[in-house]
Amino acid sequence: MAAIVARLLPVIVVCLCLPAFFGGAAEKDTDVAAEYIAKELMAIEGLFPASSQVVLVAQTEAPGPDARLWAFTMEDGTWKPVLGPVPATVGRNGFAPSGQKREGDGRTPPGIYSLGFAFGYGPKIDSAMPYRQMTLSDIWVDDPASPDYNRPKKRGETRAKSFEDMVLKDDRYKYGIVIRYNTDPVVPGAGSAIFLHVWKDAATPTSGCVAVSEENILKLLKWLDPGKRPIIMLEKP
């Protein structure tokens, strides 16, 4: 399988051919997903050598924001499912072509990324992941002209002209996990604030993030272990 790999440490963007996951029973789809993960991680062996937890998000064959999410753990040399497939939503304009994600385009960036800290509204969560409680003073800068672009900040710490509030009027950021897209180095205008978070509902797309139900993100947070260097694979048909 041909692969084009572009390195933006610690982000690996991979353009791959995704198998058809959605043609049969959930068990069959999960087997195909596990085989896919094994093959593609082998193809980029050495880039994520210690990762033993993978979250896979695959867009359905139909155009639009509908997707499915799986979680796999490495046991005895085999990727074994621990969650999924469960419904997910992605950007309102689907996935961007590889390397073409841009600020404000409403598209999810395809590729393989490490997962950063978890965040939410409460003082603590049931997770081993590093956690930050968000308050009304917390923002995420999305102004490409700002030196703080694609960075979390407090109000008053930045002169950025635009930013994302990290406490919303609904529960979308009640629980979330940072997807480390465009973080090191940060490329101005290439996209910011890409998270895995709670969806508004199953029919509402995101602005570029991945969203699942509160029940499922809580399962992920409880399962994720930073010591296992979890990664997320965002793939389109």
C-alpha atoms as a PDB file:
ATOM      1  CA  MET A   1       0.000   0.000   0.000  1.00  0.00           C
ATOM      2  CA  ALA A   2       1.479   3.273  -1.079  1.00  0.00           C
ATOM      3  CA  ALA A   3       2.011   5.886   1.607  1.00  0.00           C
ATOM      4  CA  ILE A   4       3.202   9.479   1.524  1.00  0.00           C
ATOM      5  CA  VAL A   5       4.637  10.507   4.870  1.00  0.00           C
ATOM      6  CA  ALA A   6       5.265  14.128   5.865  1.00  0.00           C
ATOM      7  CA  ARG A   7       6.780  14.744   9.294  1.00  0.00           C
ATOM      8  CA  LEU A   8       5.683  17.621  11.540  1.00  0.00           C
ATOM      9  CA  LEU A   9       7.068  16.462  14.907  1.00  0.00           C
ATOM     10  CA  PRO A  10       5.393  15.114  16.971  1.00  0.00           C
ATOM     11  CA  VAL A  11       2.770  14.851  14.235  1.00  0.00           C
ATOM     12  CA  ILE A  12       2.904  12.330  11.431  1.00  0.00           C
ATOM     13  CA  VAL A  13       0.588  13.069   8.509  1.00  0.00           C
ATOM     14  CA  VAL A  14      -0.021  10.037   6.338  1.00  0.00           C
ATOM     15  CA  CYS A  15      -1.913   9.809   3.061  1.00  0.00           C
ATOM     16  CA  LEU A  16      -3.248   6.252   2.860  1.00  0.00           C
ATOM     17  CA  CYS A  17      -5.869   4.210   1.069  1.00  0.00           C
ATOM     18  CA  LEU A  18      -8.591   3.336   3.554  1.00  0.00           C
ATOM     19  CA  PRO A  19     -10.378  -0.014   3.213  1.00  0.00           C
ATOM     20  CA  ALA A  20     -14.161  -0.071   3.147  1.00  0.00           C
ATOM     21  CA  PHE A  21     -15.045  -0.469   6.819  1.00  0.00           C
ATOM     22  CA  PHE A  22     -18.771  -0.092   6.483  1.00  0.00           C
ATOM     23  CA  GLY A  23     -19.900  -2.861   4.164  1.00  0.00           C
ATOM     24  CA  GLY A  24     -20.764  -5.553   6.694  1.00  0.00           C
ATOM     25  CA  ALA A  25     -21.301  -6.486  10.303  1.00  0.00           C
ATOM     26  CA  ALA A  26     -19.645  -4.515  13.079  1.00  0.00           C
ATOM     27  CA  GLU A  27     -17.431  -7.499  13.936  1.00  0.00           C
ATOM     28  CA  LYS A  28     -16.180  -7.707  10.352  1.00  0.00           C
ATOM     29  CA  ASP A  29     -15.565  -3.967  10.242  1.00  0.00           C
ATOM     30  CA  THR A  30     -13.572  -4.180  13.471  1.00  0.00           C
ATOM     31  CA  ASP A  31     -11.419  -7.015  12.097  1.00  0.00           C
ATOM     32  CA  VAL A  32     -10.696  -4.949   8.978  1.00  0.00           C
ATOM     33  CA  ALA A  33      -9.870  -1.921  11.137  1.00  0.00           C
ATOM     34  CA  ALA A  34      -7.430  -3.943  13.256  1.00  0.00           C
ATOM     35  CA  GLU A  35      -5.698  -5.295  10.146  1.00  0.00           C
ATOM     36  CA  TYR A  36      -5.490  -1.792   8.741  1.00  0.00           C
ATOM     37  CA  ILE A  37      -3.854  -0.405  11.885  1.00  0.00           C
ATOM     38  CA  ALA A  38      -1.311  -3.224  11.981  1.00  0.00           C
ATOM     39  CA  LYS A  39      -0.361  -2.743   8.316  1.00  0.00           C
ATOM     40  CA  GLU A  40      -0.108   1.036   8.377  1.00  0.00           C
ATOM     41  CA  LEU A  41       1.826   1.284  11.630  1.00  0.00           C
ATOM     42  CA  MET A  42       4.221  -1.309  10.257  1.00  0.00           C
ATOM     43  CA  ALA A  43       4.639   0.857   7.149  1.00  0.00           C
ATOM     44  CA  ILE A  44       5.860   3.749   9.309  1.00  0.00           C
ATOM     45  CA  GLU A  45       7.706   1.569  11.813  1.00  0.00           C
ATOM     46  CA  GLY A  46       9.960   3.573  14.090  1.00  0.00           C
ATOM     47  CA  LEU A  47       7.831   6.705  14.181  1.00  0.00           C
ATOM     48  CA  PHE A  48       5.547   5.434  16.961  1.00  0.00           C
ATOM     49  CA  PRO A  49       7.564   2.458  18.277  1.00  0.00           C
ATOM     50  CA  ALA A  50       6.215   2.531  21.824  1.00  0.00           C
ATOM     51  CA  SER A  51       2.553   3.234  21.107  1.00  0.00           C
ATOM     52  CA  SER A  52       0.282   0.458  22.354  1.00  0.00           C
ATOM     53  CA  GLN A  53      -3.040   2.325  22.335  1.00  0.00           C
ATOM     54  CA  VAL A  54      -4.657   3.498  19.092  1.00  0.00           C
ATOM     55  CA  VAL A  55      -7.873   5.401  18.482  1.00  0.00           C
ATOM     56  CA  LEU A  56      -9.035   5.045  14.874  1.00  0.00           C
ATOM     57  CA  VAL A  57     -11.573   7.458  13.353  1.00  0.00           C
ATOM     58  CA  ALA A  58     -12.767   6.651   9.850  1.00  0.00           C
ATOM     59  CA  GLN A  59     -15.177   8.690   7.789  1.00  0.00           C
ATOM     60  CA  THR A  60     -18.053   6.730   6.278  1.00  0.00           C
ATOM     61  CA  GLU A  61     -18.233   6.361   2.519  1.00  0.00           C
ATOM     62  CA  ALA A  62     -21.101   8.840   2.330  1.00  0.00           C
ATOM     63  CA  PRO A  63     -20.009  12.490   1.999  1.00  0.00           C
ATOM     64  CA  GLY A  64     -20.417  14.620   5.097  1.00  0.00           C
ATOM     65  CA  PRO A  65     -19.477  14.516   8.758  1.00  0.00           C
ATOM     66  CA  ASP A  66     -20.494  10.944   9.649  1.00  0.00           C
ATOM     67  CA  ALA A  67     -17.699   8.741  10.968  1.00  0.00           C
ATOM     68  CA  ARG A  68     -16.996   5.756  13.196  1.00  0.00           C
ATOM     69  CA  LEU A  69     -14.503   5.409  16.044  1.00  0.00           C
ATOM     70  CA  TRP A  70     -12.653   2.390  17.411  1.00  0.00           C
ATOM     71  CA  ALA A  71     -10.097   1.977  20.195  1.00  0.00           C
ATOM     72  CA  PHE A  72      -7.475  -0.772  20.123  1.00  0.00           C
ATOM     73  CA  THR A  73      -4.807  -1.963  22.522  1.00  0.00           C
ATOM     74  CA  MET A  74      -1.714  -4.015  21.726  1.00  0.00           C
ATOM     75  CA  GLU A  75      -1.740  -7.391  23.493  1.00  0.00           C
ATOM     76  CA  ASP A  76       0.609 -10.261  22.708  1.00  0.00           C
ATOM     77  CA  GLY A  77       1.586  -8.686  19.405  1.00  0.00           C
ATOM     78  CA  THR A  78      -2.009  -8.209  18.225  1.00  0.00           C
ATOM     79  CA  TRP A  79      -4.242  -5.129  18.078  1.00  0.00           C
ATOM     80  CA  LYS A  80      -7.336  -6.017  20.090  1.00  0.00           C
ATOM     81  CA  PRO A  81     -10.519  -3.880  20.182  1.00  0.00           C
ATOM     82  CA  VAL A  82     -11.604  -2.283  23.441  1.00  0.00           C
ATOM     83  CA  LEU A  83     -14.284   0.051  22.052  1.00  0.00           C
ATOM     84  CA  GLY A  84     -16.279   0.400  18.881  1.00  0.00           C
ATOM     85  CA  PRO A  85     -17.282   0.864  16.299  1.00  0.00           C
ATOM     86  CA  VAL A  86     -19.220   3.778  17.788  1.00  0.00           C
ATOM     87  CA  PRO A  87     -20.726   6.768  15.952  1.00  0.00           C
ATOM     88  CA  ALA A  88     -18.627   9.920  15.655  1.00  0.00           C
ATOM     89  CA  THR A  89     -18.795  13.212  13.805  1.00  0.00           C
ATOM     90  CA  VAL A  90     -16.029  15.140  12.065  1.00  0.00           C
ATOM     91  CA  GLY A  91     -15.755  18.505  10.316  1.00  0.00           C
ATOM     92  CA  ARG A  92     -18.801  19.923   8.565  1.00  0.00           C
ATOM     93  CA  ASN A  93     -16.876  19.710   5.291  1.00  0.00           C
ATOM     94  CA  GLY A  94     -15.477  16.258   5.965  1.00  0.00           C
ATOM     95  CA  PHE A  95     -11.754  15.559   5.834  1.00  0.00           C
ATOM     96  CA  ALA A  96      -9.226  17.852   4.205  1.00  0.00           C
ATOM     97  CA  PRO A  97      -6.937  16.399   1.537  1.00  0.00           C
ATOM     98  CA  SER A  98      -3.613  15.414   3.090  1.00  0.00           C
ATOM     99  CA  GLY A  99      -1.568  18.498   3.944  1.00  0.00           C
ATOM    100  CA  GLN A 100      -4.329  20.918   2.926  1.00  0.00           C
ATOM    101  CA  LYS A 101      -6.059  21.635   6.241  1.00  0.00           C
ATOM    102  CA  ARG A 102      -6.505  25.400   6.675  1.00  0.00           C
ATOM    103  CA  GLU A 103      -7.805  27.609   9.464  1.00  0.00           C
ATOM    104  CA  GLY A 104     -11.581  27.976   9.348  1.00  0.00           C
ATOM    105  CA  ASP A 105     -12.194  25.503   6.507  1.00  0.00           C
ATOM    106  CA  GLY A 106     -14.467  23.249   8.587  1.00  0.00           C
ATOM    107  CA  ARG A 107     -12.404  20.172   7.712  1.00  0.00           C
ATOM    108  CA  THR A 108     -10.731  17.521   9.845  1.00  0.00           C
ATOM    109  CA  PRO A 109      -7.006  16.912   9.193  1.00  0.00           C
ATOM    110  CA  PRO A 110      -6.265  13.305   8.168  1.00  0.00           C
ATOM    111  CA  GLY A 111      -3.179  11.605   9.559  1.00  0.00           C
ATOM    112  CA  ILE A 112      -1.681  10.027  12.649  1.00  0.00           C
ATOM    113  CA  TYR A 113      -1.159  12.164  15.739  1.00  0.00           C
ATOM    114  CA  SER A 114      -0.197  11.766  19.356  1.00  0.00           C
ATOM    115  CA  LEU A 115      -2.766  12.664  22.010  1.00  0.00           C
ATOM    116  CA  GLY A 116      -2.108  15.501  24.411  1.00  0.00           C
ATOM    117  CA  PHE A 117      -3.729  16.494  27.670  1.00  0.00           C
ATOM    118  CA  ALA A 118      -7.371  15.957  28.577  1.00  0.00           C
ATOM    119  CA  PHE A 119      -9.537  18.909  29.556  1.00  0.00           C
ATOM    120  CA  GLY A 120     -12.997  19.625  30.871  1.00  0.00           C
ATOM    121  CA  TYR A 121     -15.253  21.682  33.059  1.00  0.00           C
ATOM    122  CA  GLY A 122     -14.877  19.782  36.345  1.00  0.00           C
ATOM    123  CA  PRO A 123     -11.992  19.829  38.829  1.00  0.00           C
ATOM    124  CA  LYS A 124     -10.983  16.237  37.994  1.00  0.00           C
ATOM    125  CA  ILE A 125     -11.864  13.261  35.794  1.00  0.00           C
ATOM    126  CA  ASP A 126     -11.481   9.494  35.937  1.00  0.00           C
ATOM    127  CA  SER A 127      -8.411   9.271  33.709  1.00  0.00           C
ATOM    128  CA  ALA A 128      -4.661   8.769  33.904  1.00  0.00           C
ATOM    129  CA  MET A 129      -4.182  11.383  31.191  1.00  0.00           C
ATOM    130  CA  PRO A 130      -2.775  14.764  32.236  1.00  0.00           C
ATOM    131  CA  TYR A 131      -5.802  16.966  32.881  1.00  0.00           C
ATOM    132  CA  ARG A 132      -6.584  20.685  32.839  1.00  0.00           C
ATOM    133  CA  GLN A 133      -9.783  22.139  34.233  1.00  0.00           C
ATOM    134  CA  MET A 134     -11.024  24.857  31.916  1.00  0.00           C
ATOM    135  CA  THR A 135     -12.551  28.063  33.243  1.00  0.00           C
ATOM    136  CA  LEU A 136     -14.128  31.119  31.675  1.00  0.00           C
ATOM    137  CA  SER A 137     -10.650  32.655  31.447  1.00  0.00           C
ATOM    138  CA  ASP A 138      -9.274  29.814  29.287  1.00  0.00           C
ATOM    139  CA  ILE A 139      -9.029  30.261  25.525  1.00  0.00           C
ATOM    140  CA  TRP A 140      -7.320  28.586  22.542  1.00  0.00           C
ATOM    141  CA  VAL A 141      -5.779  31.029  20.065  1.00  0.00           C
ATOM    142  CA  ASP A 142      -6.897  30.644  16.432  1.00  0.00           C
ATOM    143  CA  ASP A 143      -5.480  33.892  15.053  1.00  0.00           C
ATOM    144  CA  PRO A 144      -2.811  32.880  12.473  1.00  0.00           C
ATOM    145  CA  ALA A 145      -1.095  36.276  12.837  1.00  0.00           C
ATOM    146  CA  SER A 146      -0.551  35.774  16.562  1.00  0.00           C
ATOM    147  CA  PRO A 147       2.668  34.310  17.992  1.00  0.00           C
ATOM    148  CA  ASP A 148       0.331  32.349  20.292  1.00  0.00           C
ATOM    149  CA  TYR A 149      -1.432  30.630  17.381  1.00  0.00           C
ATOM    150  CA  ASN A 150      -2.723  27.139  18.239  1.00  0.00           C
ATOM    151  CA  ARG A 151      -1.797  27.504  21.898  1.00  0.00           C
ATOM    152  CA  PRO A 152      -3.928  27.483  25.048  1.00  0.00           C
ATOM    153  CA  LYS A 153      -3.841  30.790  26.882  1.00  0.00           C
ATOM    154  CA  LYS A 154      -5.622  32.758  29.590  1.00  0.00           C
ATOM    155  CA  ARG A 155      -7.542  35.891  28.737  1.00  0.00           C
ATOM    156  CA  GLY A 156      -5.177  38.810  29.091  1.00  0.00           C
ATOM    157  CA  GLU A 157      -2.097  36.703  28.293  1.00  0.00           C
ATOM    158  CA  THR A 158      -2.307  37.249  24.554  1.00  0.00           C
ATOM    159  CA  ARG A 159      -2.999  40.022  22.052  1.00  0.00           C
ATOM    160  CA  ALA A 160      -4.543  37.583  19.566  1.00  0.00           C
ATOM    161  CA  LYS A 161      -7.532  38.987  17.695  1.00  0.00           C
ATOM    162  CA  SER A 162      -9.458  35.701  17.699  1.00  0.00           C
ATOM    163  CA  PHE A 163      -9.631  32.616  19.866  1.00  0.00           C
ATOM    164  CA  GLU A 164     -11.801  29.675  20.904  1.00  0.00           C
ATOM    165  CA  ASP A 165     -13.512  29.816  24.294  1.00  0.00           C
ATOM    166  CA  MET A 166     -12.700  26.645  26.220  1.00  0.00           C
ATOM    167  CA  VAL A 167     -15.887  26.806  28.277  1.00  0.00           C
ATOM    168  CA  LEU A 168     -18.916  26.836  26.006  1.00  0.00           C
ATOM    169  CA  LYS A 169     -22.593  27.400  26.682  1.00  0.00           C
ATOM    170  CA  ASP A 170     -23.195  23.679  26.098  1.00  0.00           C
ATOM    171  CA  ASP A 171     -21.405  20.441  27.018  1.00  0.00           C
ATOM    172  CA  ARG A 172     -19.184  20.045  23.953  1.00  0.00           C
ATOM    173  CA  TYR A 173     -16.044  20.837  25.940  1.00  0.00           C
ATOM    174  CA  LYS A 174     -17.272  19.225  29.144  1.00  0.00           C
ATOM    175  CA  TYR A 175     -14.755  16.481  28.323  1.00  0.00           C
ATOM    176  CA  GLY A 176     -12.076  16.619  25.653  1.00  0.00           C
ATOM    177  CA  ILE A 177      -8.636  15.460  24.589  1.00  0.00           C
ATOM    178  CA  VAL A 178      -6.136  17.514  22.610  1.00  0.00           C
ATOM    179  CA  ILE A 179      -5.172  16.000  19.250  1.00  0.00           C
ATOM    180  CA  ARG A 180      -1.605  17.161  18.696  1.00  0.00           C
ATOM    181  CA  TYR A 181      -2.130  18.434  15.181  1.00  0.00           C
ATOM    182  CA  ASN A 182       0.023  21.395  14.071  1.00  0.00           C
ATOM    183  CA  THR A 183       1.644  21.728  17.480  1.00  0.00           C
ATOM    184  CA  ASP A 184       5.396  21.263  17.008  1.00  0.00           C
ATOM    185  CA  PRO A 185       6.215  23.213  14.975  1.00  0.00           C
ATOM    186  CA  VAL A 186       3.120  25.369  14.661  1.00  0.00           C
ATOM    187  CA  VAL A 187       2.445  26.396  11.064  1.00  0.00           C
ATOM    188  CA  PRO A 188       0.409  29.645  10.919  1.00  0.00           C
ATOM    189  CA  GLY A 189      -2.925  29.134   9.179  1.00  0.00           C
ATOM    190  CA  ALA A 190      -2.662  25.333   8.974  1.00  0.00           C
ATOM    191  CA  GLY A 191      -5.432  24.821  11.514  1.00  0.00           C
ATOM    192  CA  SER A 192      -5.851  25.030  15.255  1.00  0.00           C
ATOM    193  CA  ALA A 193      -7.805  23.696  18.230  1.00  0.00           C
ATOM    194  CA  ILE A 194      -8.259  20.150  16.957  1.00  0.00           C
ATOM    195  CA  PHE A 195      -9.778  18.070  19.749  1.00  0.00           C
ATOM    196  CA  LEU A 196     -11.644  14.860  20.449  1.00  0.00           C
ATOM    197  CA  HIS A 197     -14.629  16.058  22.477  1.00  0.00           C
ATOM    198  CA  VAL A 198     -18.284  15.544  23.346  1.00  0.00           C
ATOM    199  CA  TRP A 199     -20.676  16.001  20.448  1.00  0.00           C
ATOM    200  CA  LYS A 200     -23.609  18.371  20.484  1.00  0.00           C
ATOM    201  CA  ASP A 201     -25.654  15.529  19.038  1.00  0.00           C
ATOM    202  CA  ALA A 202     -25.176  12.735  16.503  1.00  0.00           C
ATOM    203  CA  ALA A 203     -26.372  14.911  13.602  1.00  0.00           C
ATOM    204  CA  THR A 204     -24.264  18.012  14.256  1.00  0.00           C
ATOM    205  CA  PRO A 205     -20.816  18.220  12.639  1.00  0.00           C
ATOM    206  CA  THR A 206     -17.787  19.919  14.150  1.00  0.00           C
ATOM    207  CA  SER A 207     -15.586  22.714  12.836  1.00  0.00           C
ATOM    208  CA  GLY A 208     -12.734  20.239  12.312  1.00  0.00           C
ATOM    209  CA  CYS A 209     -12.572  18.251  15.531  1.00  0.00           C
ATOM    210  CA  VAL A 210     -13.779  14.703  16.185  1.00  0.00           C
ATOM    211  CA  ALA A 211     -16.787  14.340  18.474  1.00  0.00           C
ATOM    212  CA  VAL A 212     -18.487  11.372  20.143  1.00  0.00           C
ATOM    213  CA  SER A 213     -21.141  10.908  22.803  1.00  0.00           C
ATOM    214  CA  GLU A 214     -20.342  11.799  26.399  1.00  0.00           C
ATOM    215  CA  GLU A 215     -20.676   8.133  27.329  1.00  0.00           C
ATOM    216  CA  ASN A 216     -18.038   7.097  24.811  1.00  0.00           C
ATOM    217  CA  ILE A 217     -15.542   9.843  25.554  1.00  0.00           C
ATOM    218  CA  LEU A 218     -15.726   8.917  29.233  1.00  0.00           C
ATOM    219  CA  LYS A 219     -14.898   5.319  28.279  1.00  0.00           C
ATOM    220  CA  LEU A 220     -11.928   6.543  26.265  1.00  0.00           C
ATOM    221  CA  LEU A 221     -10.656   8.783  29.037  1.00  0.00           C
ATOM    222  CA  LYS A 222     -10.821   5.969  31.573  1.00  0.00           C
ATOM    223  CA  TRP A 223      -8.948   3.639  29.213  1.00  0.00           C
ATOM    224  CA  LEU A 224      -6.245   5.981  27.937  1.00  0.00           C
ATOM    225  CA  ASP A 225      -2.830   5.674  29.571  1.00  0.00           C
ATOM    226  CA  PRO A 226      -0.105   8.245  28.795  1.00  0.00           C
ATOM    227  CA  GLY A 227       2.499   5.599  29.608  1.00  0.00           C
ATOM    228  CA  LYS A 228       1.299   3.667  26.551  1.00  0.00           C
ATOM    229  CA  ARG A 229       1.786   6.708  24.305  1.00  0.00           C
ATOM    230  CA  PRO A 230      -1.682   6.737  22.741  1.00  0.00           C
ATOM    231  CA  ILE A 231      -2.121   7.929  19.185  1.00  0.00           C
ATOM    232  CA  ILE A 232      -5.097   8.726  16.992  1.00  0.00           C
ATOM    233  CA  MET A 233      -5.483   7.823  13.309  1.00  0.00           C
ATOM    234  CA  LEU A 234      -7.851  10.065  11.343  1.00  0.00           C
ATOM    235  CA  GLU A 235      -8.643   8.503   7.986  1.00  0.00           C
ATOM    236  CA  LYS A 236     -11.065   9.080   5.120  1.00  0.00           C
ATOM    237  CA  PRO A 237     -12.263   6.640   2.420  1.00  0.00           C
END
